[in-house]
């Protein structure tokens, strides 16, 4: 094959002309790389300004007719996105959300985009019109993971290694670049963050018995940090499924007491304790202003005293930075006017520069600490305004738990000096964190059943199982009688077996004495068998 490039003067038959070709290729490649860098820089600059640069708007949004780099909420399908997030906040998994949306016969995102005029999507539905209404789990997951729906612009999710590579490996969601508050969100930032936490946690919403685990992803072991799993308590059937379930440490369940202890807590006890604590704070937020101020003071007292010291230090550091700027200016003037030597200028400027870097680093640390303190004060007010909505709460569900609680730590049971058993629970609420521990007295399993009357003596007693018929005293007496009867039947069976064996031996015809030693040996063996 002969290759000729007229403009570049390349001819593969002309060896002298081919000598320069490799260098020309290198220059062309350098030009392409330079153009690539410039284009990428221009795109990044526009992205950092909060401009949306996608070809089509994501599901739930449309491009602003006045500014195609700005997103507006699409009222036609925004309610679908809202419903998906509400279902996730209620503790539903991706598969369950997908089934719920499919039952409503809603156009999937690709089909809706095609209906709005987007090109390239129709090929997915050719030959099967019903595919337009079948959502995939990836579609649901993509909506729940996208910061777009909280009003943030997300980008650089897949980046090519260089201009030659066609591979674009995906990044994890926490590695995406996000520009906050670029458009109106369909959900709030708090709701979006809660959904991310729920999706990250390993969840098992319902066990085989139908128990709904509303604390999935929230309840943890106080010692090893592993999740507590809901499991059957190995008891007989109870009226309510919650009384048949207890929580135990997953680390203990896998590896035994080598790694951790059980940290067992009855599901009923945990539900009652959390519900009572939420109602306590809700009543306090509505009715007891003095108690609210006491909690605010207790939570922020240390932070406020620390914040005052930090503010003084911040002023001091800013003042010193201003002094260093003046010293640099005067030092440079002295150098220009030749009042100091070059060596002294470099020595002093190096000293001042080092101090300047140290002060800037410390100033950044102080500023971040102060911001955290201010956020905590604001968080207390946000928590109180949120929990007021739950006054008089009668039942707990996953939506309430996920809205109010970050995590629950359960400690191991401990026996007190008076012989009672106590267990500690720590609840970390949204916005404020840990307020105070709860100490509960674990409920015994048999107390979940109502009292019965003994079928023998007629007295009232609390049964230990659903099939119990006798009070403890009668149960022991009947058990002893049954045991004696069992032993009597066993002795009688053994006596009858011995009688039958003796009768069989009497019917045997022994060999003649003339049989000699063989006959005697046989008779001896039968005699031994009869004795045994």
Protein backbone atom coordinates (compact mmCIF):
# COMPACT_ATOMS: atom_id res chain seq x y z
CA UNK A 1 0.00 0.00 0.00
CA UNK A 2 1.33 3.42 -0.97
CA UNK A 3 0.33 6.40 1.19
CA UNK A 4 0.53 9.97 -0.17
CA UNK A 5 -0.28 13.15 1.85
CA UNK A 6 -0.05 16.13 -0.54
CA UNK A 7 -0.22 18.89 2.11
CA UNK A 8 2.42 17.30 4.34
CA UNK A 9 4.61 16.11 1.46
CA UNK A 10 4.49 12.49 2.58
CA UNK A 11 5.06 9.64 0.12
CA UNK A 12 5.89 6.18 1.41
CA UNK A 13 7.97 5.46 -1.72
CA UNK A 14 10.18 8.50 -1.04
CA UNK A 15 12.43 7.46 1.85
CA UNK A 16 13.99 10.90 2.26
CA UNK A 17 10.53 12.45 2.72
CA UNK A 18 9.62 9.78 5.28
CA UNK A 19 12.49 10.69 7.61
CA UNK A 20 10.66 13.74 8.95
CA UNK A 21 7.28 11.99 9.31
CA UNK A 22 7.79 10.60 12.88
CA UNK A 23 8.66 14.11 14.17
CA UNK A 24 5.64 15.55 12.39
CA UNK A 25 3.44 12.93 14.10
CA UNK A 26 4.87 13.88 17.50
CA UNK A 27 4.10 17.57 16.86
CA UNK A 28 0.56 16.73 15.75
CA UNK A 29 0.02 14.67 18.88
CA UNK A 30 1.30 17.51 21.06
CA UNK A 31 -1.14 19.87 19.34
CA UNK A 32 -4.03 17.47 19.97
CA UNK A 33 -3.05 17.12 23.64
CA UNK A 34 -2.89 20.91 24.02
CA UNK A 35 -6.34 21.34 22.45
CA UNK A 36 -7.70 18.60 24.75
CA UNK A 37 -6.35 20.34 27.86
CA UNK A 38 -7.85 23.68 26.82
CA UNK A 39 -11.28 22.21 26.10
CA UNK A 40 -11.30 20.33 29.41
CA UNK A 41 -10.32 23.51 31.26
CA UNK A 42 -13.16 25.44 29.62
CA UNK A 43 -15.69 22.75 30.55
CA UNK A 44 -14.44 22.59 34.14
CA UNK A 45 -14.65 26.38 34.49
CA UNK A 46 -18.29 26.32 33.34
CA UNK A 47 -19.05 23.37 35.64
CA UNK A 48 -17.60 25.19 38.65
CA UNK A 49 -19.87 28.12 37.83
CA UNK A 50 -22.82 25.77 38.35
CA UNK A 51 -23.83 25.48 34.70
CA UNK A 52 -25.49 22.28 33.51
CA UNK A 53 -23.86 21.10 30.27
CA UNK A 54 -25.64 17.82 29.56
CA UNK A 55 -27.37 17.21 26.25
CA UNK A 56 -30.66 16.35 27.92
CA UNK A 57 -32.00 17.32 31.35
CA UNK A 58 -32.20 14.48 33.91
CA UNK A 59 -35.53 12.83 34.70
CA UNK A 60 -37.66 15.22 36.76
CA UNK A 61 -36.14 18.39 35.27
CA UNK A 62 -36.29 20.44 32.07
CA UNK A 63 -33.86 22.99 30.70
CA UNK A 64 -34.71 26.61 31.37
CA UNK A 65 -35.87 28.17 28.05
CA UNK A 66 -34.12 31.43 29.02
CA UNK A 67 -30.85 29.67 30.00
CA UNK A 68 -30.11 26.17 28.74
CA UNK A 69 -27.40 25.78 31.39
CA UNK A 70 -29.99 26.03 34.17
CA UNK A 71 -32.48 23.37 35.30
CA UNK A 72 -36.15 23.80 36.20
CA UNK A 73 -38.42 21.24 37.89
CA UNK A 74 -40.60 19.27 35.45
CA UNK A 75 -44.02 19.26 37.14
CA UNK A 76 -45.20 16.35 34.97
CA UNK A 77 -42.90 13.77 36.61
CA UNK A 78 -41.50 15.52 39.70
CA UNK A 79 -44.12 13.75 41.83
CA UNK A 80 -42.66 10.38 40.75
CA UNK A 81 -39.21 11.37 42.00
CA UNK A 82 -40.77 12.67 45.21
CA UNK A 83 -42.62 9.37 45.71
CA UNK A 84 -39.45 7.33 45.14
CA UNK A 85 -37.63 9.29 47.85
CA UNK A 86 -40.61 9.01 50.22
CA UNK A 87 -40.65 5.23 49.79
CA UNK A 88 -36.91 5.08 50.47
CA UNK A 89 -37.31 7.23 53.59
CA UNK A 90 -39.97 4.80 54.78
CA UNK A 91 -37.34 2.06 54.77
CA UNK A 92 -38.25 0.35 51.48
CA UNK A 93 -35.49 -1.21 49.39
CA UNK A 94 -34.82 -0.59 45.72
CA UNK A 95 -36.57 -3.79 44.57
CA UNK A 96 -39.72 -2.94 46.53
CA UNK A 97 -39.75 0.64 45.20
CA UNK A 98 -39.36 -0.66 41.65
CA UNK A 99 -42.34 -3.02 42.04
CA UNK A 100 -44.46 -0.20 43.46
CA UNK A 101 -43.66 2.13 40.54
CA UNK A 102 -44.24 -0.60 37.95
CA UNK A 103 -47.73 -1.27 39.35
CA UNK A 104 -48.65 2.37 38.65
CA UNK A 105 -47.85 1.99 34.93
CA UNK A 106 -45.57 5.05 34.78
CA UNK A 107 -43.28 5.69 31.81
CA UNK A 108 -39.70 4.79 32.60
CA UNK A 109 -37.11 7.61 32.31
CA UNK A 110 -35.83 6.56 28.87
CA UNK A 111 -39.35 6.26 27.48
CA UNK A 112 -40.31 9.65 28.91
CA UNK A 113 -37.18 11.23 27.38
CA UNK A 114 -38.08 9.72 24.00
CA UNK A 115 -41.62 11.07 24.34
CA UNK A 116 -40.14 14.55 24.94
CA UNK A 117 -38.15 14.34 21.69
CA UNK A 118 -34.79 13.00 22.88
CA UNK A 119 -33.02 10.91 20.23
CA UNK A 120 -31.47 7.46 20.68
CA UNK A 121 -34.00 5.91 23.07
CA UNK A 122 -36.61 4.44 20.75
CA UNK A 123 -34.49 1.37 19.96
CA UNK A 124 -35.10 0.06 23.50
CA UNK A 125 -38.85 -0.23 22.93
CA UNK A 126 -39.09 -1.48 19.35
CA UNK A 127 -41.16 -4.64 19.18
CA UNK A 128 -42.36 -4.48 22.80
CA UNK A 129 -44.41 -1.45 23.75
CA UNK A 130 -44.83 -2.72 27.33
CA UNK A 131 -41.11 -2.13 27.98
CA UNK A 132 -41.89 1.58 28.16
CA UNK A 133 -43.50 1.04 31.57
CA UNK A 134 -41.02 -1.43 33.10
CA UNK A 135 -38.55 0.32 35.41
CA UNK A 136 -35.20 -1.27 36.21
CA UNK A 137 -33.52 -1.26 39.60
CA UNK A 138 -30.67 0.78 38.11
CA UNK A 139 -33.14 3.54 37.18
CA UNK A 140 -34.43 3.72 40.76
CA UNK A 141 -30.92 3.52 42.20
CA UNK A 142 -29.69 6.25 39.84
CA UNK A 143 -32.43 8.63 41.00
CA UNK A 144 -31.81 7.93 44.69
CA UNK A 145 -28.04 8.37 44.31
CA UNK A 146 -28.07 11.54 42.19
CA UNK A 147 -27.35 14.83 44.06
CA UNK A 148 -29.24 16.60 41.24
CA UNK A 149 -32.53 16.02 43.08
CA UNK A 150 -31.27 17.87 46.17
CA UNK A 151 -30.48 20.95 44.09
CA UNK A 152 -26.78 20.19 43.54
CA UNK A 153 -24.90 19.84 40.28
CA UNK A 154 -22.88 16.61 40.07
CA UNK A 155 -20.21 15.90 37.49
CA UNK A 156 -16.99 14.10 36.62
CA UNK A 157 -18.49 10.73 37.48
CA UNK A 158 -16.52 9.00 34.70
CA UNK A 159 -13.22 10.45 33.49
CA UNK A 160 -11.03 9.10 30.69
CA UNK A 161 -7.39 8.53 31.62
CA UNK A 162 -6.16 10.56 28.62
CA UNK A 163 -7.25 11.75 25.18
CA UNK A 164 -6.27 8.44 23.54
CA UNK A 165 -8.16 6.19 25.96
CA UNK A 166 -11.77 5.29 25.26
CA UNK A 167 -12.23 3.70 28.67
CA UNK A 168 -14.14 5.80 31.20
CA UNK A 169 -14.07 3.99 34.56
CA UNK A 170 -16.88 4.89 36.98
CA UNK A 171 -16.17 6.64 40.27
CA UNK A 172 -17.88 5.99 43.58
CA UNK A 173 -20.61 8.50 44.55
CA UNK A 174 -18.43 9.96 47.32
CA UNK A 175 -15.75 10.75 44.69
CA UNK A 176 -18.05 12.80 42.44
CA UNK A 177 -17.51 16.53 42.17
CA UNK A 178 -20.58 18.37 43.45
CA UNK A 179 -21.47 22.07 43.18
CA UNK A 180 -24.14 22.88 45.81
CA UNK A 181 -27.31 24.96 45.40
CA UNK A 182 -27.27 25.41 41.61
CA UNK A 183 -31.02 24.91 41.09
CA UNK A 184 -34.22 24.12 42.97
CA UNK A 185 -34.24 20.63 44.49
CA UNK A 186 -37.17 18.22 44.39
CA UNK A 187 -36.17 16.94 47.86
CA UNK A 188 -34.34 18.65 50.71
CA UNK A 189 -30.66 18.07 51.43
CA UNK A 190 -31.53 16.42 54.77
CA UNK A 191 -33.86 13.95 53.06
CA UNK A 192 -31.24 13.16 50.42
CA UNK A 193 -28.53 12.57 53.06
CA UNK A 194 -30.85 10.28 55.03
CA UNK A 195 -31.57 8.19 51.92
CA UNK A 196 -27.83 7.84 51.22
CA UNK A 197 -27.27 6.61 54.76
CA UNK A 198 -30.10 4.09 54.46
CA UNK A 199 -28.80 2.79 51.13
CA UNK A 200 -25.27 2.43 52.48
CA UNK A 201 -26.39 0.45 55.54
CA UNK A 202 -26.95 -3.25 55.10
CA UNK A 203 -30.66 -3.73 55.67
CA UNK A 204 -33.00 -6.65 56.13
CA UNK A 205 -36.42 -5.10 56.41
CA UNK A 206 -38.56 -8.19 57.12
CA UNK A 207 -37.72 -11.65 58.41
CA UNK A 208 -39.39 -14.92 57.50
CA UNK A 209 -41.94 -14.53 60.28
CA UNK A 210 -43.22 -11.20 58.98
CA UNK A 211 -41.49 -8.98 61.58
CA UNK A 212 -40.81 -5.50 60.19
CA UNK A 213 -37.38 -4.38 61.35
CA UNK A 214 -37.78 -0.60 61.50
CA UNK A 215 -34.37 -0.21 63.19
CA UNK A 216 -32.48 -1.84 60.31
CA UNK A 217 -29.25 0.06 59.62
CA UNK A 218 -29.65 2.13 62.80
CA UNK A 219 -29.12 -0.16 65.79
CA UNK A 220 -25.48 -1.02 66.63
CA UNK A 221 -23.47 -2.83 69.27
CA UNK A 222 -21.97 -0.37 71.78
CA UNK A 223 -18.76 -2.39 72.16
CA UNK A 224 -17.74 -3.70 68.72
CA UNK A 225 -19.79 -1.39 66.48
CA UNK A 226 -21.40 -4.24 64.50
CA UNK A 227 -25.07 -4.08 63.61
CA UNK A 228 -27.60 -5.86 65.80
CA UNK A 229 -29.73 -8.30 63.87
CA UNK A 230 -33.35 -9.22 64.54
CA UNK A 231 -33.73 -12.93 65.16
CA UNK A 232 -36.18 -15.43 66.61
CA UNK A 233 -35.89 -15.78 70.38
CA UNK A 234 -36.45 -19.59 70.23
CA UNK A 235 -39.69 -19.44 72.16
CA UNK A 236 -43.15 -20.77 71.62
CA UNK A 237 -45.74 -18.81 69.67
CA UNK A 238 -46.78 -15.46 71.18
CA UNK A 239 -49.84 -13.33 70.39
CA UNK A 240 -47.70 -10.62 68.71
CA UNK A 241 -44.74 -11.26 66.41
CA UNK A 242 -42.72 -8.54 68.16
CA UNK A 243 -42.71 -10.67 71.34
CA UNK A 244 -41.02 -13.50 69.44
CA UNK A 245 -38.04 -11.38 68.31
CA UNK A 246 -34.92 -10.12 69.99
CA UNK A 247 -31.87 -8.20 68.75
CA UNK A 248 -28.37 -9.66 69.15
CA UNK A 249 -24.90 -8.58 68.05
CA UNK A 250 -24.07 -9.79 64.54
CA UNK A 251 -20.40 -10.17 65.48
CA UNK A 252 -21.36 -12.50 68.34
CA UNK A 253 -23.74 -14.41 66.05
CA UNK A 254 -20.94 -15.10 63.56
CA UNK A 255 -17.93 -15.80 65.76
CA UNK A 256 -19.31 -16.44 69.25
CA UNK A 257 -18.06 -14.90 72.50
CA UNK A 258 -14.48 -14.85 71.19
CA UNK A 259 -15.21 -11.57 69.37
CA UNK A 260 -18.09 -10.05 71.38
CA UNK A 261 -20.99 -10.82 73.69
CA UNK A 262 -24.66 -11.20 72.81
CA UNK A 263 -25.92 -7.70 73.75
CA UNK A 264 -29.40 -9.24 73.51
CA UNK A 265 -32.37 -6.93 73.87
CA UNK A 266 -36.04 -7.75 73.42
CA UNK A 267 -37.64 -6.05 70.42
CA UNK A 268 -40.57 -5.00 72.61
CA UNK A 269 -38.24 -3.35 75.14
CA UNK A 270 -36.38 -1.45 72.42
CA UNK A 271 -39.59 -0.23 70.75
CA UNK A 272 -41.03 0.96 74.06
CA UNK A 273 -37.83 2.71 75.15
CA UNK A 274 -37.33 4.60 71.87
CA UNK A 275 -41.01 5.57 71.63
CA UNK A 276 -41.01 6.87 75.21
CA UNK A 277 -37.83 8.89 74.63
CA UNK A 278 -39.19 10.51 71.46
CA UNK A 279 -42.42 11.44 73.25
CA UNK A 280 -40.44 12.84 76.17
CA UNK A 281 -38.48 15.21 73.94
CA UNK A 282 -41.57 16.13 71.90
CA UNK A 283 -43.54 17.04 75.04
CA UNK A 284 -40.57 18.96 76.35
CA UNK A 285 -40.17 20.93 73.12
CA UNK A 286 -43.86 21.93 73.20
CA UNK A 287 -44.62 22.44 76.89
CA UNK A 288 -41.43 22.84 78.94
CA UNK A 289 -39.37 25.81 77.77
CA UNK A 290 -37.20 25.70 80.89
CA UNK A 291 -36.17 22.10 80.26
CA UNK A 292 -35.40 22.97 76.63
CA UNK A 293 -33.07 25.78 77.72
CA UNK A 294 -31.41 23.42 80.22
CA UNK A 295 -30.70 20.91 77.44
CA UNK A 296 -29.40 23.65 75.14
CA UNK A 297 -27.12 24.91 77.90
CA UNK A 298 -25.87 21.40 78.72
CA UNK A 299 -25.14 20.57 75.08
CA UNK A 300 -23.52 23.90 74.18
CA UNK A 301 -21.95 24.98 77.47
CA UNK A 302 -18.60 23.39 76.71
CA UNK A 303 -18.79 24.48 73.09
CA UNK A 304 -19.61 28.08 74.02
CA UNK A 305 -16.70 28.43 76.43
CA UNK A 306 -14.44 26.83 73.84
CA UNK A 307 -15.87 29.06 71.11
CA UNK A 308 -15.08 32.22 73.10
CA UNK A 309 -11.47 31.14 73.50
CA UNK A 310 -11.34 30.26 69.80
CA UNK A 311 -12.74 33.66 68.81
CA UNK A 312 -10.05 35.43 70.85
CA UNK A 313 -7.39 33.26 69.23
CA UNK A 314 -8.87 33.96 65.79
CA UNK A 315 -8.62 37.74 66.34
CA UNK A 316 -5.07 37.35 67.58
CA UNK A 317 -4.04 35.29 64.56
CA UNK A 318 -5.64 37.74 62.12
CA UNK A 319 -3.83 40.61 63.81
CA UNK A 320 -0.49 38.80 63.57
CA UNK A 321 -1.10 38.05 59.87
CA UNK A 322 -1.66 41.76 59.22
CA UNK A 323 1.57 42.57 61.08
CA UNK A 324 3.49 40.05 58.97
CA UNK A 325 2.15 41.65 55.79
CA UNK A 326 3.44 45.03 56.97
CA UNK A 327 6.79 43.52 57.92
CA UNK A 328 7.12 41.95 54.47
CA UNK A 329 6.37 45.28 52.85
CA UNK A 330 8.91 47.19 54.92
CA UNK A 331 11.47 44.41 54.53
CA UNK A 332 11.15 44.58 50.76
CA UNK A 333 11.58 48.38 50.85
CA UNK A 334 14.75 47.98 52.95
CA UNK A 335 16.12 45.53 50.38
CA UNK A 336 15.33 47.84 47.47
CA UNK A 337 16.90 50.81 49.29
CA UNK A 338 19.90 48.57 50.09
CA UNK A 339 19.51 49.07 53.83
CA UNK A 340 19.90 45.31 54.34
CA UNK A 341 21.90 42.74 52.44
CA UNK A 342 20.45 40.06 50.18
CA UNK A 343 21.46 37.40 52.70
CA UNK A 344 19.62 39.10 55.56
CA UNK A 345 16.56 39.66 53.38
CA UNK A 346 16.34 35.97 52.48
CA UNK A 347 16.85 34.91 56.10
CA UNK A 348 14.16 37.25 57.47
CA UNK A 349 11.69 36.61 54.63
CA UNK A 350 12.07 32.84 55.11
CA UNK A 351 11.38 33.22 58.82
CA UNK A 352 8.31 35.39 58.25
CA UNK A 353 7.00 33.10 55.51
CA UNK A 354 7.26 30.03 57.74
CA UNK A 355 5.39 31.82 60.53
CA UNK A 356 2.79 32.97 58.03
CA UNK A 357 2.13 29.40 56.83
CA UNK A 358 1.82 28.15 60.42
CA UNK A 359 -0.64 30.91 61.32
CA UNK A 360 -2.75 30.28 58.20
CA UNK A 361 -2.95 26.55 59.00
CA UNK A 362 -3.96 27.24 62.60
CA UNK A 363 -6.44 29.90 61.49
CA UNK A 364 -8.10 27.41 59.16
CA UNK A 365 -8.39 24.88 61.99
CA UNK A 366 -9.88 27.46 64.36
CA UNK A 367 -12.38 28.65 61.75
CA UNK A 368 -13.58 25.09 61.09
CA UNK A 369 -14.01 24.46 64.84
CA UNK A 370 -16.03 27.66 65.23
CA UNK A 371 -18.23 26.73 62.28
CA UNK A 372 -18.92 23.33 63.87
CA UNK A 373 -19.90 25.05 67.12
CA UNK A 374 -22.29 27.39 65.31
CA UNK A 375 -23.76 24.44 63.38
CA UNK A 376 -24.35 22.56 66.63
CA UNK A 377 -26.25 25.49 68.13
CA UNK A 378 -28.34 25.72 64.98
CA UNK A 379 -28.79 21.94 65.01
CA UNK A 380 -30.40 22.05 68.47
CA UNK A 381 -32.98 24.54 67.25
CA UNK A 382 -33.61 22.46 64.12
CA UNK A 383 -34.07 19.29 66.20
CA UNK A 384 -36.54 20.92 68.57
CA UNK A 385 -38.60 22.32 65.70
CA UNK A 386 -38.58 18.87 64.04
CA UNK A 387 -39.51 16.78 67.06
CA UNK A 388 -42.46 19.03 67.95
CA UNK A 389 -44.28 17.42 65.03
CA UNK A 390 -44.19 14.02 66.78
CA UNK A 391 -45.92 14.92 70.03
CA UNK A 392 -48.31 12.19 71.14
CA UNK A 393 -46.74 9.56 68.88
CA UNK A 394 -48.45 6.18 69.41
CA UNK A 395 -46.64 3.89 66.96
CA UNK A 396 -43.10 3.78 65.59
CA UNK A 397 -42.31 3.13 61.94
CA UNK A 398 -39.22 3.30 59.76
CA UNK A 399 -40.07 6.80 58.50
CA UNK A 400 -40.09 8.26 62.02
CA UNK A 401 -36.93 6.43 63.06
CA UNK A 402 -34.98 7.49 59.96
CA UNK A 403 -36.20 11.09 60.24
CA UNK A 404 -35.15 11.54 63.89
CA UNK A 405 -32.38 9.07 64.71
CA UNK A 406 -28.85 8.61 63.39
CA UNK A 407 -27.97 5.48 65.35
CA UNK A 408 -28.78 3.54 68.52
CA UNK A 409 -26.07 1.88 70.63
CA UNK A 410 -27.05 -1.06 72.86
CA UNK A 411 -24.79 -2.15 75.73
CA UNK A 412 -24.51 -5.58 77.33
CA UNK A 413 -26.81 -6.42 80.23
CA UNK A 414 -25.31 -5.94 83.69
CA UNK A 415 -26.38 -7.34 87.04
CA UNK A 416 -26.72 -4.75 89.81
CA UNK A 417 -25.88 -5.18 93.48
CA UNK A 418 -29.54 -5.72 94.39
CA UNK A 419 -29.81 -8.58 91.88
CA UNK A 420 -31.79 -6.66 89.22
CA UNK A 421 -30.72 -6.64 85.57
CA UNK A 422 -30.12 -3.30 83.82
CA UNK A 423 -29.30 -2.49 80.21
CA UNK A 424 -28.08 0.82 78.76
CA UNK A 425 -29.24 2.31 75.45
CA UNK A 426 -27.76 5.41 73.81
CA UNK A 427 -29.80 7.22 71.14
CA UNK A 428 -27.99 9.61 68.77
CA UNK A 429 -30.55 12.03 67.32
CA UNK A 430 -30.29 14.02 64.11
CA UNK A 431 -28.72 17.49 64.45
CA UNK A 432 -27.77 17.14 68.15
CA UNK A 433 -26.27 13.68 68.57
CA UNK A 434 -26.20 11.98 71.99
CA UNK A 435 -28.26 13.64 74.75
CA UNK A 436 -28.46 11.08 77.56
CA UNK A 437 -28.45 7.33 78.04
CA UNK A 438 -31.54 5.25 78.81
CA UNK A 439 -31.44 2.55 81.48
CA UNK A 440 -34.09 -0.15 81.08
CA UNK A 441 -34.96 -3.27 83.01
CA UNK A 442 -35.09 -6.07 80.42
CA UNK A 443 -38.47 -7.78 80.24
CA UNK A 444 -38.63 -11.50 80.89
CA UNK A 445 -39.95 -13.46 77.96
CA UNK A 446 -42.93 -15.03 79.77
CA UNK A 447 -44.46 -11.68 80.73
CA UNK A 448 -45.69 -11.19 77.17
CA UNK A 449 -48.53 -13.71 77.78
CA UNK A 450 -51.76 -12.99 79.70
CA UNK A 451 -52.64 -14.81 82.95
CA UNK A 452 -54.43 -18.18 82.88
CA UNK A 453 -56.27 -20.49 85.34
CA UNK A 454 -54.71 -23.85 86.21
CA UNK A 455 -56.76 -26.78 84.88
CA UNK A 456 -56.01 -28.81 88.05
CA UNK A 457 -56.29 -26.46 91.04
CA UNK A 458 -57.98 -23.52 89.31
CA UNK A 459 -55.69 -20.75 90.61
CA UNK A 460 -54.57 -17.86 88.31
CA UNK A 461 -50.97 -17.87 87.11
CA UNK A 462 -48.73 -16.34 84.37
CA UNK A 463 -47.90 -19.07 81.82
CA UNK A 464 -44.43 -19.63 80.42
CA UNK A 465 -45.69 -20.65 76.98
CA UNK A 466 -48.83 -20.48 74.89
CA UNK A 467 -49.70 -24.17 75.49
CA UNK A 468 -49.20 -24.19 79.27
CA UNK A 469 -52.15 -25.71 81.24
CA UNK A 470 -50.88 -25.99 84.83
CA UNK A 471 -49.59 -23.60 87.48
CA UNK A 472 -45.94 -24.09 88.56
CA UNK A 473 -46.87 -26.20 91.65
CA UNK A 474 -49.25 -28.49 89.78
CA UNK A 475 -46.84 -28.70 86.85
CA UNK A 476 -44.08 -30.05 89.14
CA UNK A 477 -46.48 -32.55 90.74
CA UNK A 478 -47.78 -33.79 87.38
CA UNK A 479 -44.26 -33.94 85.98
CA UNK A 480 -43.16 -36.06 88.97
CA UNK A 481 -46.14 -38.40 88.55
CA UNK A 482 -45.43 -38.76 84.84
CA UNK A 483 -41.79 -39.50 85.57
CA UNK A 484 -42.71 -42.21 88.12
CA UNK A 485 -45.22 -43.74 85.72
CA UNK A 486 -42.57 -43.78 82.97
CA UNK A 487 -40.10 -45.55 85.27
CA UNK A 488 -42.76 -48.11 86.30
CA UNK A 489 -43.59 -48.90 82.66
CA UNK A 490 -39.90 -49.26 81.85
CA UNK A 491 -39.37 -51.76 84.72
CA UNK A 492 -42.45 -53.74 83.69
CA UNK A 493 -41.25 -53.96 80.09
CA UNK A 494 -37.84 -55.24 81.22
CA UNK A 495 -39.48 -57.88 83.53
CA UNK A 496 -41.71 -59.16 80.70
CA UNK A 497 -38.71 -59.38 78.38
CA UNK A 498 -36.82 -61.54 80.91
CA UNK A 499 -39.84 -63.88 81.35
CA UNK A 500 -40.16 -64.37 77.60
CA UNK A 501 -36.44 -65.09 77.30
CA UNK A 502 -36.57 -67.70 80.10
CA UNK A 503 -39.52 -69.44 78.42
CA UNK A 504 -37.58 -69.70 75.19
CA UNK A 505 -34.60 -71.23 77.02
CA UNK A 506 -36.82 -73.90 78.67
CA UNK A 507 -38.07 -75.06 75.26
CA UNK A 508 -34.56 -75.70 73.98
CA UNK A 509 -33.56 -79.45 73.55
CA UNK A 510 -30.02 -79.88 74.79
CA UNK A 511 -27.69 -82.24 72.91
CA UNK A 512 -26.82 -85.70 74.35
CA UNK A 513 -24.02 -86.02 76.92
CA UNK A 514 -22.43 -88.41 74.40
CA UNK A 515 -21.64 -85.41 72.31
CA UNK A 516 -18.57 -84.94 74.47
CA UNK A 517 -16.81 -81.62 74.92
CA UNK A 518 -18.67 -79.96 72.04
CA UNK A 519 -22.04 -80.58 73.67
CA UNK A 520 -20.78 -79.36 77.05
CA UNK A 521 -19.38 -76.20 75.47
CA UNK A 522 -22.69 -75.48 73.77
CA UNK A 523 -24.58 -76.04 77.02
CA UNK A 524 -22.16 -73.75 78.84
CA UNK A 525 -22.69 -70.91 76.32
CA UNK A 526 -26.49 -71.15 76.62
CA UNK A 527 -26.20 -71.14 80.39
CA UNK A 528 -24.10 -67.92 80.28
CA UNK A 529 -26.60 -66.27 77.91
CA UNK A 530 -29.51 -67.19 80.22
CA UNK A 531 -27.73 -65.74 83.27
CA UNK A 532 -26.92 -62.49 81.44
